[in-house]
Amino acid sequence: MQQSPEKRIYDRDVRHFIYANFADSSRPPTSAEAADHFKVFIATIENAYENLANAHHIALAPGSYSIWMAHPFSGLPTNYVAELEGKKYVE
């Protein structure tokens, strides 16, 4: 991905994208999907994911950038499932 020097994304925008993706698809976005959405390098998204994890907005799988949780959404299967308008969400 090409990133222009003046292009800057904000963690809050990445956080919004994560939640919107969870709500739309019932799963967390990958860092590659987020990078494609914002048209930035994956490293830029991974930095935002780290910032969001450090602020306890999301939880990442240990040693990776795979989103385990963005409360109340879970990226991992659980015994608790909510269904809304035909979409199933694990809690």
Protein backbone atom coordinates (compact mmCIF):
# COMPACT_ATOMS: atom_id res chain seq x y z
CA MET A 1 0.00 0.00 0.00
CA GLN A 2 1.24 3.46 -0.76
CA GLN A 3 0.89 5.99 2.00
CA SER A 4 1.38 9.65 1.30
CA PRO A 5 3.59 11.45 3.83
CA GLU A 6 0.76 13.76 4.91
CA LYS A 7 -1.81 10.95 5.37
CA ARG A 8 -2.56 10.34 9.02
CA ILE A 9 -5.16 8.09 10.54
CA TYR A 10 -6.37 8.35 14.09
CA ASP A 11 -6.78 5.52 16.56
CA ARG A 12 -10.41 6.53 17.09
CA ASP A 13 -11.07 6.04 13.37
CA VAL A 14 -9.47 2.59 13.45
CA ARG A 15 -11.51 1.77 16.56
CA HIS A 16 -14.71 2.85 14.79
CA PHE A 17 -13.79 0.69 11.79
CA ILE A 18 -13.21 -2.32 14.08
CA TYR A 19 -16.64 -1.93 15.71
CA ALA A 20 -18.39 -1.28 12.40
CA ASN A 21 -16.78 -4.37 10.90
CA PHE A 22 -17.83 -6.47 13.90
CA ALA A 23 -21.41 -5.18 13.62
CA ASP A 24 -21.58 -5.73 9.85
CA SER A 25 -19.80 -9.06 9.53
CA SER A 26 -19.93 -10.59 13.05
CA ARG A 27 -16.12 -10.84 13.07
CA PRO A 28 -13.12 -8.59 13.67
CA PRO A 29 -11.22 -7.11 10.74
CA THR A 30 -7.71 -8.28 10.03
CA SER A 31 -4.94 -5.71 10.01
CA ALA A 32 -4.70 -6.22 6.23
CA GLU A 33 -8.40 -5.45 5.82
CA ALA A 34 -8.06 -2.31 7.93
CA ALA A 35 -4.95 -1.21 6.00
CA ASP A 36 -6.82 -1.69 2.73
CA HIS A 37 -9.81 0.29 4.06
CA PHE A 38 -7.65 3.25 5.13
CA LYS A 39 -5.15 2.89 2.24
CA VAL A 40 -2.16 2.81 4.61
CA PHE A 41 0.66 0.41 5.44
CA ILE A 42 -0.21 -2.58 7.63
CA ALA A 43 2.40 -1.32 10.12
CA THR A 44 0.33 1.84 10.58
CA ILE A 45 -2.72 -0.26 11.48
CA GLU A 46 -0.69 -2.54 13.73
CA ASN A 47 0.53 0.53 15.60
CA ALA A 48 -3.08 1.70 16.03
CA TYR A 49 -4.10 -1.80 17.19
CA GLU A 50 -1.30 -1.72 19.79
CA ASN A 51 -2.42 1.73 20.99
CA LEU A 52 -6.02 0.55 21.26
CA ALA A 53 -4.97 -2.58 23.13
CA ASN A 54 -2.81 -0.58 25.54
CA ALA A 55 -5.81 1.68 26.21
CA HIS A 56 -7.96 -1.46 26.82
CA HIS A 57 -10.31 -0.67 23.94
CA ILE A 58 -9.52 -4.01 22.26
CA ALA A 59 -7.73 -7.20 23.24
CA LEU A 60 -5.21 -8.79 20.89
CA ALA A 61 -4.14 -12.41 20.74
CA PRO A 62 -0.74 -12.76 22.42
CA GLY A 63 2.10 -12.05 20.02
CA SER A 64 -0.16 -11.09 17.15
CA TYR A 65 -2.46 -8.42 15.78
CA SER A 66 -5.49 -10.67 15.72
CA ILE A 67 -8.34 -9.04 17.62
CA TRP A 68 -9.72 -11.27 20.33
CA MET A 69 -12.20 -8.79 21.71
CA ALA A 70 -13.66 -5.33 21.30
CA HIS A 71 -16.22 -5.26 24.09
CA PRO A 72 -18.99 -6.39 23.81
CA PHE A 73 -17.86 -8.27 20.68
CA SER A 74 -15.70 -11.37 20.83
CA GLY A 75 -13.51 -12.56 18.01
CA LEU A 76 -13.39 -16.01 19.63
CA PRO A 77 -16.23 -18.49 19.94
CA THR A 78 -17.98 -18.48 23.31
CA ASN A 79 -20.95 -20.27 24.81
CA TYR A 80 -22.96 -17.05 24.62
CA VAL A 81 -24.51 -15.95 21.36
CA ALA A 82 -26.73 -12.95 20.71
CA GLU A 83 -28.82 -12.84 17.56
CA LEU A 84 -30.06 -9.58 16.08
CA GLU A 85 -31.73 -9.20 12.70
CA GLY A 86 -30.47 -12.57 11.53
CA LYS A 87 -26.84 -11.98 12.55
CA LYS A 88 -25.25 -14.00 15.33
CA TYR A 89 -22.71 -12.39 17.64
CA VAL A 90 -20.60 -14.23 20.19
CA GLU A 91 -20.29 -12.48 23.51
